[in-house]
Amino acid sequence: MLNNYLSEAWAQELEGMQSYIVTHRRWLHRHPELSFKEYKTSQYIYDEMLKLPNVEVTRPTETSVLVKITGAKAGKKIGLRADIDALPIQEERPDLEFESEVPGVMHACGHDGHASILMAAMKFLANHTDDLSGEIYGIFQHAEELPPGGAQEMVATGLFDDFDFFYGHHLFSTLPLGTIDIKPGPNSSNSDLYEIKIQGRGGHAAQPENSIDPVIVGSAIIQQLQTIVSRISSPFDPIVISNTVFQAGNAAAMNVIPDSSYLAGSVRTLTDEARQLVQDHMSSIIKGICDAYNVSYTFDFKLGYDSVMNDETTTAGVREIAESLFPNKVTSLAASLGGEDFSAFSRVAPSTYIWIGAGNSEKSYDYPHHHPKFAIDEESFLIGLKMFVAVAKAFSA
């Protein structure tokens, strides 16, 4: 046995699947589709998975795919998840022979890699059912990039209510190639949005005393919101409040105080308690300032993705697998404040979600996610494949 998780024969067979992954990844990369519109993407995956022996392939939602493999022995019901959607970004990687062929759309987050790795994992597992236990499901999930997200839509079908475990991983361009980050507890953040509309009273810029300036009100609100981060919450409980939109007035009428202003932004927290604390204090601050200036307002706090919570027991097991297969490559970094809708699965059953380094500065594959020049090193794919297969075998037994 290779480190008690993959036999030498299995490891060699998996290493021989690199070209299979690359071929499918590059097709997906050339033909990206946006969230909830992954018609060609999901059909491509569906058709490829139908070619496999010992599988049941279904479509839980219009643009997702679910592949079921039943092992020869009794065991548990587990899900391996990969996301499949792209982003509304114009790719700027002419050096790639497989650059996106769809104007204004690209795989700028690695989902093409995730999907193709899972395709390879299901192909391998489908050919080794005699050595497997339980039921192993390949979850090709749509719409990770657009709230409310495809995971929530899939979970709402009820198909996953009796699962014992979910596993997923994300290729990460800002982690060095080969690094594997695994940690229990919060792994990604609650990712929420807010909107604030302030109704003041406009007037002439030369006579501000006759107006109620919504720009001043909005500015005061922005300043005070940061006291939640600096003075109300614990510095050991990370919170980010980023006001990213402030609209008011007309550039063609710079001597006019506007009637209204509009603020909007993003809130990131790791725990449900911190999320509620921010929501409550935002509401209190906005009301207090608007009341002081005698203006009306609306405040809408939009709940987005929940934080991904890695189960302590299952995550310890996944870490043991990773450390055994990839010695001295496993880290435990701070939780990401990015959003990830795998959280919908992690609220159903014990789950583990990890990060796999796919960055390589020598190839200029170290741009951040969601950047027009984003790229990942395809050498990372075998790490993901081996983790999918080893986790499936270990956790389904």
Protein backbone atom coordinates (compact mmCIF):
# COMPACT_ATOMS: atom_id res chain seq x y z
CA MET A 1 0.00 0.00 0.00
CA LEU A 2 1.10 3.58 -0.67
CA ASN A 3 0.85 5.32 2.70
CA ASN A 4 -2.19 3.14 3.55
CA TYR A 5 -4.52 5.17 1.29
CA LEU A 6 -3.58 4.45 -2.33
CA SER A 7 -1.97 1.27 -3.62
CA GLU A 8 1.02 1.61 -5.90
CA ALA A 9 -1.13 0.35 -8.77
CA TRP A 10 -3.84 2.92 -8.07
CA ALA A 11 -1.29 5.74 -7.75
CA GLN A 12 0.28 4.85 -11.11
CA GLU A 13 -3.12 4.62 -12.81
CA LEU A 14 -4.13 7.99 -11.41
CA GLU A 15 -0.90 9.59 -12.61
CA GLY A 16 -1.70 8.29 -16.07
CA MET A 17 -4.94 10.33 -16.08
CA GLN A 18 -3.25 13.74 -16.28
CA SER A 19 -3.88 14.08 -20.02
CA TYR A 20 -7.56 13.16 -19.51
CA ILE A 21 -7.95 15.99 -16.99
CA VAL A 22 -6.05 18.50 -19.12
CA THR A 23 -8.09 17.70 -22.23
CA HIS A 24 -11.40 18.26 -20.49
CA ARG A 25 -10.15 21.26 -18.55
CA ARG A 26 -9.04 23.01 -21.71
CA TRP A 27 -12.35 22.36 -23.46
CA LEU A 28 -14.22 23.78 -20.49
CA HIS A 29 -11.85 26.75 -20.35
CA ARG A 30 -12.44 27.58 -24.01
CA HIS A 31 -16.23 27.39 -23.56
CA PRO A 32 -17.06 29.14 -20.25
CA GLU A 33 -20.63 29.86 -19.19
CA LEU A 34 -22.04 32.13 -16.52
CA SER A 35 -23.90 31.07 -13.37
CA PHE A 36 -27.29 29.43 -13.95
CA LYS A 37 -26.52 29.38 -17.71
CA GLU A 38 -24.14 26.39 -17.80
CA TYR A 39 -26.16 24.56 -20.48
CA LYS A 40 -23.29 23.44 -22.74
CA THR A 41 -20.98 22.89 -19.78
CA SER A 42 -23.36 20.61 -17.92
CA GLN A 43 -24.32 18.77 -21.12
CA TYR A 44 -20.65 18.17 -21.88
CA ILE A 45 -20.10 16.71 -18.41
CA TYR A 46 -23.33 14.72 -18.57
CA ASP A 47 -22.40 13.16 -21.92
CA GLU A 48 -18.90 12.26 -20.75
CA MET A 49 -20.14 10.70 -17.54
CA LEU A 50 -22.71 8.62 -19.42
CA LYS A 51 -19.81 6.88 -21.17
CA LEU A 52 -18.65 5.38 -17.86
CA PRO A 53 -19.59 1.91 -16.58
CA ASN A 54 -21.36 1.38 -13.26
CA VAL A 55 -22.82 4.89 -12.96
CA GLU A 56 -26.20 6.56 -12.68
CA VAL A 57 -26.20 10.07 -14.14
CA THR A 58 -28.99 12.52 -13.37
CA ARG A 59 -29.74 16.25 -13.59
CA PRO A 60 -30.92 17.51 -10.15
CA THR A 61 -31.35 21.01 -11.57
CA GLU A 62 -31.38 22.42 -15.08
CA THR A 63 -27.62 23.01 -15.27
CA SER A 64 -26.10 20.62 -12.73
CA VAL A 65 -25.05 16.96 -12.95
CA LEU A 66 -25.06 14.21 -10.33
CA VAL A 67 -23.12 10.98 -10.85
CA LYS A 68 -23.75 8.02 -8.56
CA ILE A 69 -21.37 5.09 -8.10
CA THR A 70 -22.34 2.16 -5.88
CA GLY A 71 -19.54 0.16 -4.30
CA ALA A 72 -19.53 -3.62 -3.96
CA LYS A 73 -19.62 -3.40 -0.16
CA ALA A 74 -22.03 -1.73 2.22
CA GLY A 75 -20.93 1.65 3.43
CA LYS A 76 -21.72 5.33 3.72
CA LYS A 77 -23.23 7.89 1.41
CA ILE A 78 -20.76 10.63 0.50
CA GLY A 79 -20.55 13.50 -1.95
CA LEU A 80 -17.54 14.84 -3.87
CA ARG A 81 -18.29 18.34 -5.10
CA ALA A 82 -16.92 20.50 -7.92
CA ASP A 83 -18.31 23.80 -9.22
CA ILE A 84 -18.61 24.42 -12.97
CA ASP A 85 -19.53 28.08 -13.68
CA ALA A 86 -17.40 30.95 -14.99
CA LEU A 87 -17.29 34.72 -14.47
CA PRO A 88 -18.23 37.83 -16.52
CA ILE A 89 -14.60 38.82 -17.12
CA GLN A 90 -12.71 39.32 -20.38
CA GLU A 91 -9.71 37.00 -20.35
CA GLU A 92 -6.28 38.53 -20.95
CA ARG A 93 -4.12 35.42 -21.41
CA PRO A 94 -3.19 35.30 -25.13
CA ASP A 95 -0.27 33.08 -24.11
CA LEU A 96 -2.73 30.25 -23.43
CA GLU A 97 -3.62 28.20 -26.50
CA PHE A 98 -6.94 27.41 -24.86
CA GLU A 99 -7.93 30.99 -24.00
CA SER A 100 -11.67 31.63 -23.64
CA GLU A 101 -13.55 31.81 -26.93
CA VAL A 102 -16.52 33.56 -25.32
CA PRO A 103 -16.22 37.37 -25.27
CA GLY A 104 -16.48 38.80 -21.76
CA VAL A 105 -16.61 35.39 -20.02
CA MET A 106 -13.75 33.35 -18.58
CA HIS A 107 -12.94 30.72 -15.99
CA ALA A 108 -11.22 33.15 -13.64
CA CYS A 109 -11.55 31.04 -10.51
CA GLY A 110 -10.44 27.51 -11.44
CA HIS A 111 -13.83 25.85 -11.73
CA ASP A 112 -12.82 24.32 -15.07
CA GLY A 113 -10.04 22.56 -13.18
CA HIS A 114 -12.36 21.46 -10.38
CA ALA A 115 -14.87 19.97 -12.81
CA SER A 116 -12.32 18.12 -14.95
CA ILE A 117 -10.57 16.67 -11.88
CA LEU A 118 -13.88 15.33 -10.58
CA MET A 119 -14.67 13.90 -14.02
CA ALA A 120 -11.40 11.98 -13.85
CA ALA A 121 -12.10 10.84 -10.28
CA MET A 122 -15.52 9.48 -11.23
CA LYS A 123 -14.01 7.72 -14.25
CA PHE A 124 -11.42 6.04 -12.03
CA LEU A 125 -13.90 5.10 -9.29
CA ALA A 126 -16.41 3.75 -11.82
CA ASN A 127 -13.75 1.28 -12.98
CA HIS A 128 -12.97 0.13 -9.42
CA THR A 129 -16.37 -0.49 -7.83
CA ASP A 130 -15.27 -3.92 -6.58
CA ASP A 131 -12.86 -2.14 -4.23
CA LEU A 132 -15.32 0.48 -3.03
CA SER A 133 -17.99 0.74 -0.36
CA GLY A 134 -21.24 2.61 -0.03
CA GLU A 135 -22.50 5.21 -2.47
CA ILE A 136 -20.18 7.84 -3.90
CA TYR A 137 -21.69 10.82 -5.66
CA GLY A 138 -19.92 13.23 -7.97
CA ILE A 139 -21.68 16.59 -7.54
CA PHE A 140 -21.08 18.91 -10.50
CA GLN A 141 -22.60 22.06 -9.06
CA HIS A 142 -23.69 25.06 -11.06
CA ALA A 143 -23.72 28.74 -10.09
CA GLU A 144 -21.18 28.99 -7.30
CA GLU A 145 -20.36 32.56 -8.31
CA LEU A 146 -23.84 34.10 -8.10
CA PRO A 147 -25.93 34.22 -4.89
CA PRO A 148 -28.17 32.59 -3.83
CA GLY A 149 -25.94 29.99 -5.47
CA GLY A 150 -26.33 26.60 -7.04
CA ALA A 151 -25.46 24.63 -3.91
CA GLN A 152 -28.50 25.99 -2.12
CA GLU A 153 -30.66 25.10 -5.10
CA MET A 154 -29.30 21.56 -5.17
CA VAL A 155 -29.69 21.07 -1.43
CA ALA A 156 -33.30 22.29 -1.68
CA THR A 157 -34.12 19.24 -3.82
CA GLY A 158 -33.80 17.06 -0.71
CA LEU A 159 -31.51 14.64 -2.54
CA PHE A 160 -28.69 15.20 -0.07
CA ASP A 161 -30.58 15.08 3.22
CA ASP A 162 -29.31 11.62 4.21
CA PHE A 163 -25.66 12.01 3.17
CA ASP A 164 -22.97 11.13 5.70
CA PHE A 165 -20.18 13.37 4.42
CA PHE A 166 -19.29 15.98 1.79
CA TYR A 167 -15.82 16.79 0.51
CA GLY A 168 -14.59 19.50 -1.83
CA HIS A 169 -11.44 21.38 -2.67
CA HIS A 170 -10.46 24.60 -4.44
CA LEU A 171 -7.39 25.19 -6.59
CA PHE A 172 -5.76 28.40 -5.40
CA SER A 173 -3.50 30.54 -7.56
CA THR A 174 -2.03 32.49 -4.66
CA LEU A 175 -0.85 29.34 -2.86
CA PRO A 176 2.42 27.82 -4.11
CA LEU A 177 2.04 24.77 -6.30
CA GLY A 178 1.71 21.64 -4.18
CA THR A 179 0.70 23.32 -0.94
CA ILE A 180 -2.43 21.89 0.69
CA ASP A 181 -4.26 24.00 3.27
CA ILE A 182 -6.53 22.12 5.70
CA LYS A 183 -8.13 23.38 8.89
CA PRO A 184 -11.11 22.57 11.11
CA GLY A 185 -13.78 25.15 11.89
CA PRO A 186 -14.42 28.21 9.72
CA ASN A 187 -12.79 27.92 6.31
CA SER A 188 -14.50 30.71 4.37
CA SER A 189 -16.67 33.58 5.51
CA ASN A 190 -20.29 34.57 5.63
CA SER A 191 -20.49 36.84 2.58
CA ASP A 192 -23.34 39.33 2.86
CA LEU A 193 -24.33 42.55 1.09
CA TYR A 194 -26.12 45.71 2.16
CA GLU A 195 -27.88 48.68 0.60
CA ILE A 196 -28.67 52.04 2.22
CA LYS A 197 -30.86 54.66 0.56
CA ILE A 198 -30.94 58.10 2.19
CA GLN A 199 -33.62 60.67 1.36
CA GLY A 200 -32.49 64.19 2.23
CA ARG A 201 -33.57 67.56 0.84
CA GLY A 202 -31.71 69.05 -2.10
CA GLY A 203 -30.94 72.68 -2.77
CA HIS A 204 -28.40 75.25 -3.92
CA ALA A 205 -24.79 74.61 -2.96
CA ALA A 206 -24.49 78.24 -1.87
CA GLN A 207 -27.30 77.84 0.65
CA PRO A 208 -26.66 74.54 2.44
CA GLU A 209 -28.65 75.72 5.46
CA ASN A 210 -31.82 75.27 3.40
CA SER A 211 -31.00 71.67 2.55
CA ILE A 212 -30.42 68.38 4.33
CA ASP A 213 -27.33 67.08 2.61
CA PRO A 214 -27.52 63.29 2.00
CA VAL A 215 -23.82 63.28 1.11
CA ILE A 216 -22.91 64.42 4.62
CA VAL A 217 -25.28 61.82 6.09
CA GLY A 218 -23.83 59.07 3.94
CA SER A 219 -20.27 60.07 4.82
CA ALA A 220 -21.07 59.97 8.52
CA ILE A 221 -22.56 56.51 8.14
CA ILE A 222 -19.51 55.17 6.31
CA GLN A 223 -17.19 56.48 9.01
CA GLN A 224 -19.25 55.07 11.85
CA LEU A 225 -19.66 51.63 10.28
CA GLN A 226 -15.93 51.11 10.72
CA THR A 227 -16.28 51.48 14.50
CA ILE A 228 -18.04 48.10 14.45
CA VAL A 229 -14.76 46.60 13.24
CA SER A 230 -12.41 48.70 15.37
CA ARG A 231 -14.33 49.21 18.61
CA ILE A 232 -17.32 46.87 18.92
CA SER A 233 -16.14 43.46 17.73
CA SER A 234 -13.22 41.46 19.09
CA PRO A 235 -9.99 41.73 17.09
CA PHE A 236 -9.80 37.94 17.36
CA ASP A 237 -13.09 37.56 15.45
CA PRO A 238 -12.36 38.88 11.94
CA ILE A 239 -14.92 41.23 10.41
CA VAL A 240 -14.70 43.22 7.19
CA ILE A 241 -17.17 45.96 6.25
CA SER A 242 -16.38 47.42 2.84
CA ASN A 243 -18.62 50.21 1.55
CA THR A 244 -18.00 49.85 -2.17
CA VAL A 245 -20.71 52.11 -3.61
CA PHE A 246 -21.48 55.76 -2.81
CA GLN A 247 -23.68 57.51 -5.34
CA ALA A 248 -25.12 60.99 -5.10
CA GLY A 249 -25.50 64.13 -7.18
CA ASN A 250 -24.83 64.90 -10.82
CA ALA A 251 -21.45 65.80 -12.27
CA ALA A 252 -23.23 68.14 -14.67
CA ALA A 253 -24.72 70.09 -11.74
CA MET A 254 -21.89 70.52 -9.26
CA ASN A 255 -23.56 73.50 -7.59
CA VAL A 256 -26.59 71.44 -6.56
CA ILE A 257 -26.94 69.55 -3.28
CA PRO A 258 -28.72 66.33 -4.23
CA ASP A 259 -31.94 64.99 -2.75
CA SER A 260 -30.69 61.50 -2.06
CA SER A 261 -27.66 59.26 -1.77
CA TYR A 262 -27.10 55.54 -2.13
CA LEU A 263 -24.58 53.38 -0.28
CA ALA A 264 -23.85 49.70 -0.73
CA GLY A 265 -21.19 47.22 0.19
CA SER A 266 -20.04 43.88 1.48
CA VAL A 267 -19.79 42.36 4.95
CA ARG A 268 -17.57 39.37 5.75
CA THR A 269 -17.72 37.46 9.03
CA LEU A 270 -16.72 33.96 10.14
CA THR A 271 -19.38 33.14 12.73
CA ASP A 272 -23.15 33.44 12.98
CA GLU A 273 -22.69 35.52 16.12
CA ALA A 274 -20.45 38.05 14.37
CA ARG A 275 -22.84 38.21 11.44
CA GLN A 276 -25.74 39.10 13.74
CA LEU A 277 -23.62 41.60 15.68
CA VAL A 278 -22.77 43.48 12.48
CA GLN A 279 -26.34 43.48 11.26
CA ASP A 280 -27.68 44.78 14.58
CA HIS A 281 -25.07 47.52 14.97
CA MET A 282 -25.35 48.64 11.36
CA SER A 283 -29.08 49.06 11.85
CA SER A 284 -28.54 51.04 15.06
CA ILE A 285 -25.84 53.31 13.59
CA ILE A 286 -27.81 54.09 10.43
CA LYS A 287 -30.96 54.87 12.38
CA GLY A 288 -29.14 57.07 14.87
CA ILE A 289 -27.40 59.17 12.23
CA CYS A 290 -30.46 59.50 10.01
CA ASP A 291 -32.62 60.47 12.98
CA ALA A 292 -30.05 63.06 14.03
CA TYR A 293 -30.16 64.65 10.57
CA ASN A 294 -33.93 64.19 10.26
CA VAL A 295 -33.79 62.21 7.03
CA SER A 296 -35.69 59.09 5.99
CA TYR A 297 -33.84 55.99 4.85
CA THR A 298 -34.10 52.33 3.93
CA PHE A 299 -31.60 49.69 4.99
CA ASP A 300 -31.47 46.23 3.42
CA PHE A 301 -29.03 43.64 4.78
CA LYS A 302 -28.89 40.81 2.24
CA LEU A 303 -27.75 37.44 3.59
CA GLY A 304 -25.41 35.74 1.14
CA TYR A 305 -23.40 32.54 1.47
CA ASP A 306 -22.85 31.10 4.94
CA SER A 307 -19.34 30.39 6.11
CA VAL A 308 -17.99 26.95 5.30
CA MET A 309 -17.60 25.09 8.58
CA ASN A 310 -15.16 22.19 8.44
CA ASP A 311 -16.17 19.37 10.77
CA GLU A 312 -13.39 18.66 13.25
CA THR A 313 -13.49 14.85 12.96
CA THR A 314 -13.77 14.54 9.18
CA THR A 315 -11.20 17.27 8.65
CA ALA A 316 -8.71 15.46 10.86
CA GLY A 317 -9.24 12.39 8.67
CA VAL A 318 -8.74 14.36 5.45
CA ARG A 319 -5.62 15.95 6.88
CA GLU A 320 -4.22 12.52 7.74
CA ILE A 321 -4.78 11.42 4.15
CA ALA A 322 -3.12 14.54 2.73
CA GLU A 323 -0.13 14.31 5.06
CA SER A 324 0.32 10.67 4.17
CA LEU A 325 0.11 11.20 0.40
CA PHE A 326 1.94 14.54 0.31
CA PRO A 327 4.42 14.75 3.21
CA ASN A 328 5.52 18.21 4.33
CA LYS A 329 3.04 19.93 2.02
CA VAL A 330 0.11 20.44 4.39
CA THR A 331 -0.46 23.79 6.09
CA SER A 332 -3.17 25.33 8.24
CA LEU A 333 -3.62 28.97 7.26
CA ALA A 334 -6.10 31.49 8.62
CA ALA A 335 -9.66 31.21 7.35
CA SER A 336 -10.40 32.95 4.07
CA LEU A 337 -12.76 35.92 4.10
CA GLY A 338 -13.89 34.99 0.62
CA GLY A 339 -17.32 33.45 0.12
CA GLU A 340 -17.95 29.85 -0.99
CA ASP A 341 -21.37 28.26 -1.39
CA PHE A 342 -20.09 24.79 -0.50
CA SER A 343 -21.41 26.03 2.84
CA ALA A 344 -24.88 24.87 1.82
CA PHE A 345 -23.60 21.29 1.82
CA SER A 346 -21.61 21.79 5.03
CA ARG A 347 -24.87 22.69 6.81
CA VAL A 348 -26.43 19.35 5.80
CA ALA A 349 -23.79 16.85 6.96
CA PRO A 350 -20.22 16.77 8.30
CA SER A 351 -18.01 18.29 5.61
CA THR A 352 -14.45 19.20 4.78
CA TYR A 353 -13.29 21.77 2.24
CA ILE A 354 -9.62 22.35 1.51
CA TRP A 355 -7.36 24.54 -0.65
CA ILE A 356 -4.81 23.16 -3.09
CA GLY A 357 -1.96 25.37 -4.23
CA ALA A 358 -1.93 25.92 -8.00
CA GLY A 359 0.20 29.04 -8.24
CA ASN A 360 3.47 29.30 -10.13
CA SER A 361 5.13 32.70 -10.39
CA GLU A 362 7.64 31.46 -12.98
CA LYS A 363 4.76 30.92 -15.41
CA SER A 364 2.90 34.09 -14.29
CA TYR A 365 0.27 31.80 -12.79
CA ASP A 366 0.00 33.79 -9.57
CA TYR A 367 -2.59 36.43 -10.38
CA PRO A 368 -5.47 36.52 -7.88
CA HIS A 369 -8.80 34.86 -8.51
CA HIS A 370 -11.31 36.88 -10.54
CA HIS A 371 -8.47 38.70 -12.35
CA PRO A 372 -8.38 38.86 -16.19
CA LYS A 373 -4.92 37.27 -16.14
CA PHE A 374 -5.85 34.51 -13.68
CA ALA A 375 -4.34 31.11 -14.45
CA ILE A 376 -3.53 27.88 -12.62
CA ASP A 377 -0.73 25.38 -13.00
CA GLU A 378 -2.10 22.12 -14.40
CA GLU A 379 0.50 20.22 -12.37
CA SER A 380 -1.84 20.72 -9.40
CA PHE A 381 -4.52 18.52 -10.96
CA LEU A 382 -3.05 15.20 -9.85
CA ILE A 383 -3.06 16.37 -6.24
CA GLY A 384 -6.78 17.05 -6.50
CA LEU A 385 -7.40 13.74 -8.25
CA LYS A 386 -5.54 11.69 -5.65
CA MET A 387 -7.34 13.51 -2.84
CA PHE A 388 -10.76 12.89 -4.40
CA VAL A 389 -10.06 9.17 -4.84
CA ALA A 390 -8.38 8.60 -1.46
CA VAL A 391 -11.09 10.52 0.39
CA ALA A 392 -13.84 8.63 -1.47
CA LYS A 393 -12.36 5.23 -0.61
CA ALA A 394 -11.66 6.09 3.03
CA PHE A 395 -14.89 7.90 3.91
CA SER A 396 -17.36 5.65 2.10
CA ALA A 397 -16.24 2.55 4.01
